[in-house]
Amino acid sequence: MRGDKREVIIDAAAFVFAREGYDRARMEDISGRAGIGKGTIYEYFKSKKDLFQSVVKHACKVYIMLIQGIDGEDRPFEEKLREYIFIYNEFLEKHRDLADLVLMQPQNISRDTRKYFQLLRADVIDATVKMLDLAESRGEIRDADKRMTAEMIWGISGTLFSTGLIENERWNVDEVVDVILHGISR
């Protein structure tokens, strides 16, 4: 039951942080949304900042599980890449307010959570390299530096999402995949 209550608190906090922002989010609102007493939150989390870090880490954990799940599927690389970009966009769209908080209020992100982001990024890059290795072995893509290619895919995805946050624009996944796979030359 303890783990379940922790998840309920994290879900409620994600909602409140996204709606109110970090500074205006109140523990009373989070506990009310979770259907628990305010004191119960402190049985699981040391502070509001600790709870916020846990919300961010939880969202990241879900994301990496989705990305790693693509690698295990036996489908053509183009479909996997399309899903990778789709998951990235949809996941961050779903957590847009939380992502905005992380980007716009970096002072609320602890050194520990920054380290967690670095590990998450490494896991995503590793999963992407595996996907590229398989695609090359099947003859779906040419031989190229897989780590560099994975970094480029990650970078393109991140740049498009950041631009989308700032300009409230969504990108067509098929067009992004086409440019990644075929470049811009004629």
C-alpha atoms as a PDB file:
ATOM      1  CA  MET A   1       0.000   0.000   0.000  1.00  0.00           C
ATOM      2  CA  ARG A   2       2.888   2.378   0.768  1.00  0.00           C
ATOM      3  CA  GLY A   3       4.050   2.354  -2.863  1.00  0.00           C
ATOM      4  CA  ASP A   4       0.509   2.942  -4.106  1.00  0.00           C
ATOM      5  CA  LYS A   5       0.063   6.007  -1.909  1.00  0.00           C
ATOM      6  CA  ARG A   6       3.398   7.389  -3.111  1.00  0.00           C
ATOM      7  CA  GLU A   7       2.185   7.043  -6.722  1.00  0.00           C
ATOM      8  CA  VAL A   8      -1.102   8.762  -5.861  1.00  0.00           C
ATOM      9  CA  ILE A   9       0.807  11.666  -4.320  1.00  0.00           C
ATOM     10  CA  ILE A  10       3.130  11.924  -7.331  1.00  0.00           C
ATOM     11  CA  ASP A  11       0.178  11.927  -9.747  1.00  0.00           C
ATOM     12  CA  ALA A  12      -1.632  14.588  -7.724  1.00  0.00           C
ATOM     13  CA  ALA A  13       1.523  16.687  -7.441  1.00  0.00           C
ATOM     14  CA  ALA A  14       2.176  16.453 -11.194  1.00  0.00           C
ATOM     15  CA  PHE A  15      -1.308  17.831 -11.815  1.00  0.00           C
ATOM     16  CA  VAL A  16      -0.971  20.661  -9.283  1.00  0.00           C
ATOM     17  CA  PHE A  17       2.580  21.637 -10.303  1.00  0.00           C
ATOM     18  CA  ALA A  18       1.537  21.688 -13.961  1.00  0.00           C
ATOM     19  CA  ARG A  19      -1.578  23.757 -13.279  1.00  0.00           C
ATOM     20  CA  GLU A  20      -0.215  26.164 -10.657  1.00  0.00           C
ATOM     21  CA  GLY A  21       3.529  26.250 -11.318  1.00  0.00           C
ATOM     22  CA  TYR A  22       6.138  25.383  -8.745  1.00  0.00           C
ATOM     23  CA  ASP A  23       5.946  28.571  -6.687  1.00  0.00           C
ATOM     24  CA  ARG A  24       2.134  28.697  -6.440  1.00  0.00           C
ATOM     25  CA  ALA A  25       1.653  24.970  -5.881  1.00  0.00           C
ATOM     26  CA  ARG A  26       0.580  24.320  -2.301  1.00  0.00           C
ATOM     27  CA  MET A  27       0.991  21.087  -0.401  1.00  0.00           C
ATOM     28  CA  GLU A  28      -2.637  21.490   0.754  1.00  0.00           C
ATOM     29  CA  ASP A  29      -3.791  21.417  -2.866  1.00  0.00           C
ATOM     30  CA  ILE A  30      -1.675  18.354  -3.589  1.00  0.00           C
ATOM     31  CA  SER A  31      -2.933  16.502  -0.516  1.00  0.00           C
ATOM     32  CA  GLY A  32      -6.528  17.456  -1.367  1.00  0.00           C
ATOM     33  CA  ARG A  33      -6.152  16.157  -4.904  1.00  0.00           C
ATOM     34  CA  ALA A  34      -4.573  12.953  -3.568  1.00  0.00           C
ATOM     35  CA  GLY A  35      -7.331  12.524  -0.975  1.00  0.00           C
ATOM     36  CA  ILE A  36      -4.918  12.409   1.953  1.00  0.00           C
ATOM     37  CA  GLY A  37      -3.883  14.648   4.815  1.00  0.00           C
ATOM     38  CA  LYS A  38      -1.106  17.169   4.213  1.00  0.00           C
ATOM     39  CA  GLY A  39       1.075  15.464   6.828  1.00  0.00           C
ATOM     40  CA  THR A  40       0.949  12.207   4.883  1.00  0.00           C
ATOM     41  CA  ILE A  41       2.920  13.822   2.059  1.00  0.00           C
ATOM     42  CA  TYR A  42       5.794  14.399   4.475  1.00  0.00           C
ATOM     43  CA  GLU A  43       5.874  10.698   5.328  1.00  0.00           C
ATOM     44  CA  TYR A  44       7.011  10.139   1.726  1.00  0.00           C
ATOM     45  CA  PHE A  45       8.751  13.386   0.742  1.00  0.00           C
ATOM     46  CA  LYS A  46      11.007  15.727   2.761  1.00  0.00           C
ATOM     47  CA  SER A  47       9.802  18.924   1.130  1.00  0.00           C
ATOM     48  CA  LYS A  48       7.937  20.451  -1.777  1.00  0.00           C
ATOM     49  CA  LYS A  49      11.196  20.519  -3.730  1.00  0.00           C
ATOM     50  CA  ASP A  50      11.785  16.817  -2.990  1.00  0.00           C
ATOM     51  CA  LEU A  51       8.266  16.047  -4.198  1.00  0.00           C
ATOM     52  CA  PHE A  52       8.817  18.086  -7.368  1.00  0.00           C
ATOM     53  CA  GLN A  53      12.060  16.183  -8.070  1.00  0.00           C
ATOM     54  CA  SER A  54      10.165  12.907  -7.626  1.00  0.00           C
ATOM     55  CA  VAL A  55       7.454  14.028 -10.051  1.00  0.00           C
ATOM     56  CA  VAL A  56      10.080  14.877 -12.677  1.00  0.00           C
ATOM     57  CA  LYS A  57      11.978  11.609 -12.131  1.00  0.00           C
ATOM     58  CA  HIS A  58       8.769   9.589 -12.340  1.00  0.00           C
ATOM     59  CA  ALA A  59       7.854  11.183 -15.660  1.00  0.00           C
ATOM     60  CA  CYS A  60      11.357  10.469 -16.968  1.00  0.00           C
ATOM     61  CA  LYS A  61      11.141   6.825 -15.881  1.00  0.00           C
ATOM     62  CA  VAL A  62       7.898   6.373 -17.819  1.00  0.00           C
ATOM     63  CA  TYR A  63       9.483   7.988 -20.880  1.00  0.00           C
ATOM     64  CA  ILE A  64      12.558   5.760 -20.888  1.00  0.00           C
ATOM     65  CA  MET A  65      10.401   2.646 -20.535  1.00  0.00           C
ATOM     66  CA  LEU A  66       8.410   3.707 -23.615  1.00  0.00           C
ATOM     67  CA  ILE A  67      11.566   4.390 -25.653  1.00  0.00           C
ATOM     68  CA  GLN A  68      13.266   1.157 -24.601  1.00  0.00           C
ATOM     69  CA  GLY A  69      10.118  -0.752 -25.546  1.00  0.00           C
ATOM     70  CA  ILE A  70      10.535   0.290 -29.188  1.00  0.00           C
ATOM     71  CA  ASP A  71      13.850  -1.542 -29.478  1.00  0.00           C
ATOM     72  CA  GLY A  72      12.321  -4.905 -28.609  1.00  0.00           C
ATOM     73  CA  GLU A  73       9.783  -4.798 -31.405  1.00  0.00           C
ATOM     74  CA  ASP A  74      10.443  -6.520 -34.727  1.00  0.00           C
ATOM     75  CA  ARG A  75       9.469  -3.783 -37.170  1.00  0.00           C
ATOM     76  CA  PRO A  76      11.229  -1.804 -39.879  1.00  0.00           C
ATOM     77  CA  PHE A  77      13.509   0.980 -38.680  1.00  0.00           C
ATOM     78  CA  GLU A  78      11.393   3.703 -40.282  1.00  0.00           C
ATOM     79  CA  GLU A  79       8.387   2.618 -38.191  1.00  0.00           C
ATOM     80  CA  LYS A  80      10.498   2.518 -35.040  1.00  0.00           C
ATOM     81  CA  LEU A  81      11.905   5.976 -35.747  1.00  0.00           C
ATOM     82  CA  ARG A  82       8.409   7.308 -36.373  1.00  0.00           C
ATOM     83  CA  GLU A  83       7.286   5.874 -33.023  1.00  0.00           C
ATOM     84  CA  TYR A  84      10.380   7.289 -31.289  1.00  0.00           C
ATOM     85  CA  ILE A  85       9.584  10.799 -32.534  1.00  0.00           C
ATOM     86  CA  PHE A  86       5.874  10.307 -31.831  1.00  0.00           C
ATOM     87  CA  ILE A  87       6.524   9.128 -28.248  1.00  0.00           C
ATOM     88  CA  TYR A  88       8.896  12.028 -27.650  1.00  0.00           C
ATOM     89  CA  ASN A  89       6.373  14.559 -28.924  1.00  0.00           C
ATOM     90  CA  GLU A  90       3.317  13.016 -27.287  1.00  0.00           C
ATOM     91  CA  PHE A  91       5.035  12.416 -23.969  1.00  0.00           C
ATOM     92  CA  LEU A  92       6.323  15.960 -23.738  1.00  0.00           C
ATOM     93  CA  GLU A  93       3.021  17.332 -24.987  1.00  0.00           C
ATOM     94  CA  LYS A  94       1.238  15.435 -22.210  1.00  0.00           C
ATOM     95  CA  HIS A  95       3.748  16.814 -19.715  1.00  0.00           C
ATOM     96  CA  ARG A  96       4.078  20.204 -21.425  1.00  0.00           C
ATOM     97  CA  ASP A  97       3.472  22.261 -18.280  1.00  0.00           C
ATOM     98  CA  LEU A  98       5.904  20.164 -16.283  1.00  0.00           C
ATOM     99  CA  ALA A  99       8.529  20.406 -19.043  1.00  0.00           C
ATOM    100  CA  ASP A 100       7.955  24.144 -19.164  1.00  0.00           C
ATOM    101  CA  LEU A 101       8.552  24.342 -15.403  1.00  0.00           C
ATOM    102  CA  VAL A 102      11.793  22.386 -15.711  1.00  0.00           C
ATOM    103  CA  LEU A 103      13.037  24.561 -18.582  1.00  0.00           C
ATOM    104  CA  MET A 104      11.867  27.909 -17.224  1.00  0.00           C
ATOM    105  CA  GLN A 105      12.666  27.385 -13.525  1.00  0.00           C
ATOM    106  CA  PRO A 106      15.903  25.383 -13.504  1.00  0.00           C
ATOM    107  CA  GLN A 107      16.672  26.620  -9.986  1.00  0.00           C
ATOM    108  CA  ASN A 108      14.086  24.101  -8.742  1.00  0.00           C
ATOM    109  CA  ILE A 109      16.050  21.195 -10.209  1.00  0.00           C
ATOM    110  CA  SER A 110      18.539  19.673  -7.800  1.00  0.00           C
ATOM    111  CA  ARG A 111      22.009  18.465  -8.723  1.00  0.00           C
ATOM    112  CA  ASP A 112      20.743  14.920  -8.109  1.00  0.00           C
ATOM    113  CA  THR A 113      17.914  15.380 -10.614  1.00  0.00           C
ATOM    114  CA  ARG A 114      20.289  16.918 -13.158  1.00  0.00           C
ATOM    115  CA  LYS A 115      22.454  13.795 -12.774  1.00  0.00           C
ATOM    116  CA  TYR A 116      19.299  11.722 -13.272  1.00  0.00           C
ATOM    117  CA  PHE A 117      18.592  13.605 -16.523  1.00  0.00           C
ATOM    118  CA  GLN A 118      22.106  12.780 -17.720  1.00  0.00           C
ATOM    119  CA  LEU A 119      21.559   9.083 -16.978  1.00  0.00           C
ATOM    120  CA  LEU A 120      18.169   9.173 -18.689  1.00  0.00           C
ATOM    121  CA  ARG A 121      19.721  10.775 -21.746  1.00  0.00           C
ATOM    122  CA  ALA A 122      22.451   8.116 -21.801  1.00  0.00           C
ATOM    123  CA  ASP A 123      19.795   5.366 -21.611  1.00  0.00           C
ATOM    124  CA  VAL A 124      17.850   6.912 -24.499  1.00  0.00           C
ATOM    125  CA  ILE A 125      21.005   7.276 -26.589  1.00  0.00           C
ATOM    126  CA  ASP A 126      21.978   3.642 -25.837  1.00  0.00           C
ATOM    127  CA  ALA A 127      18.500   2.404 -26.820  1.00  0.00           C
ATOM    128  CA  THR A 128      18.700   4.446 -30.018  1.00  0.00           C
ATOM    129  CA  VAL A 129      22.150   3.041 -30.857  1.00  0.00           C
ATOM    130  CA  LYS A 130      20.735  -0.493 -30.479  1.00  0.00           C
ATOM    131  CA  MET A 131      17.884   0.405 -32.799  1.00  0.00           C
ATOM    132  CA  LEU A 132      20.382   1.800 -35.344  1.00  0.00           C
ATOM    133  CA  ASP A 133      22.652  -1.265 -35.070  1.00  0.00           C
ATOM    134  CA  LEU A 134      19.739  -3.556 -35.862  1.00  0.00           C
ATOM    135  CA  ALA A 135      18.630  -1.359 -38.761  1.00  0.00           C
ATOM    136  CA  GLU A 136      22.132  -1.411 -40.224  1.00  0.00           C
ATOM    137  CA  SER A 137      22.395  -5.196 -39.869  1.00  0.00           C
ATOM    138  CA  ARG A 138      19.122  -5.480 -41.815  1.00  0.00           C
ATOM    139  CA  GLY A 139      20.378  -3.166 -44.546  1.00  0.00           C
ATOM    140  CA  GLU A 140      17.783  -0.490 -43.728  1.00  0.00           C
ATOM    141  CA  ILE A 141      20.338   2.262 -43.121  1.00  0.00           C
ATOM    142  CA  ARG A 142      23.903   2.887 -44.250  1.00  0.00           C
ATOM    143  CA  ASP A 143      26.955   2.456 -42.066  1.00  0.00           C
ATOM    144  CA  ALA A 144      27.458   5.630 -40.029  1.00  0.00           C
ATOM    145  CA  ASP A 145      28.628   6.470 -36.539  1.00  0.00           C
ATOM    146  CA  LYS A 146      25.682   5.170 -34.487  1.00  0.00           C
ATOM    147  CA  ARG A 147      26.339   7.247 -31.367  1.00  0.00           C
ATOM    148  CA  MET A 148      26.590  10.444 -33.409  1.00  0.00           C
ATOM    149  CA  THR A 149      23.406   9.523 -35.291  1.00  0.00           C
ATOM    150  CA  ALA A 150      21.595   8.765 -32.025  1.00  0.00           C
ATOM    151  CA  GLU A 151      22.731  12.123 -30.621  1.00  0.00           C
ATOM    152  CA  MET A 152      21.455  13.850 -33.762  1.00  0.00           C
ATOM    153  CA  ILE A 153      18.043  12.167 -33.485  1.00  0.00           C
ATOM    154  CA  TRP A 154      17.856  13.135 -29.783  1.00  0.00           C
ATOM    155  CA  GLY A 155      18.951  16.681 -30.623  1.00  0.00           C
ATOM    156  CA  ILE A 156      16.473  17.102 -33.451  1.00  0.00           C
ATOM    157  CA  SER A 157      13.650  15.831 -31.243  1.00  0.00           C
ATOM    158  CA  GLY A 158      14.633  18.131 -28.385  1.00  0.00           C
ATOM    159  CA  THR A 159      15.017  21.179 -30.587  1.00  0.00           C
ATOM    160  CA  LEU A 160      11.646  20.642 -32.229  1.00  0.00           C
ATOM    161  CA  PHE A 161       9.968  20.203 -28.865  1.00  0.00           C
ATOM    162  CA  SER A 162      11.658  23.281 -27.360  1.00  0.00           C
ATOM    163  CA  THR A 163      10.585  25.326 -30.362  1.00  0.00           C
ATOM    164  CA  GLY A 164       7.092  23.919 -29.957  1.00  0.00           C
ATOM    165  CA  LEU A 165       7.018  25.005 -26.304  1.00  0.00           C
ATOM    166  CA  ILE A 166       8.092  28.534 -27.141  1.00  0.00           C
ATOM    167  CA  GLU A 167       6.033  28.990 -30.313  1.00  0.00           C
ATOM    168  CA  ASN A 168       3.189  26.579 -29.476  1.00  0.00           C
ATOM    169  CA  GLU A 169       3.812  24.671 -32.697  1.00  0.00           C
ATOM    170  CA  ARG A 170       3.487  20.936 -33.360  1.00  0.00           C
ATOM    171  CA  TRP A 171       5.625  19.185 -35.935  1.00  0.00           C
ATOM    172  CA  ASN A 172       4.490  16.572 -38.406  1.00  0.00           C
ATOM    173  CA  VAL A 173       6.146  13.316 -37.328  1.00  0.00           C
ATOM    174  CA  ASP A 174       6.247  11.932 -40.888  1.00  0.00           C
ATOM    175  CA  GLU A 175       8.082  15.026 -42.153  1.00  0.00           C
ATOM    176  CA  VAL A 176      10.612  14.831 -39.304  1.00  0.00           C
ATOM    177  CA  VAL A 177      11.258  11.141 -40.022  1.00  0.00           C
ATOM    178  CA  ASP A 178      11.609  11.858 -43.732  1.00  0.00           C
ATOM    179  CA  VAL A 179      14.227  14.567 -43.144  1.00  0.00           C
ATOM    180  CA  ILE A 180      16.147  12.332 -40.705  1.00  0.00           C
ATOM    181  CA  LEU A 181      16.146   9.391 -43.118  1.00  0.00           C
ATOM    182  CA  HIS A 182      16.610  11.208 -46.419  1.00  0.00           C
ATOM    183  CA  GLY A 183      18.192  14.519 -45.473  1.00  0.00           C
ATOM    184  CA  ILE A 184      17.494  17.686 -47.399  1.00  0.00           C
ATOM    185  CA  SER A 185      19.395  17.027 -50.612  1.00  0.00           C
ATOM    186  CA  ARG A 186      17.577  16.325 -53.864  1.00  0.00           C
END
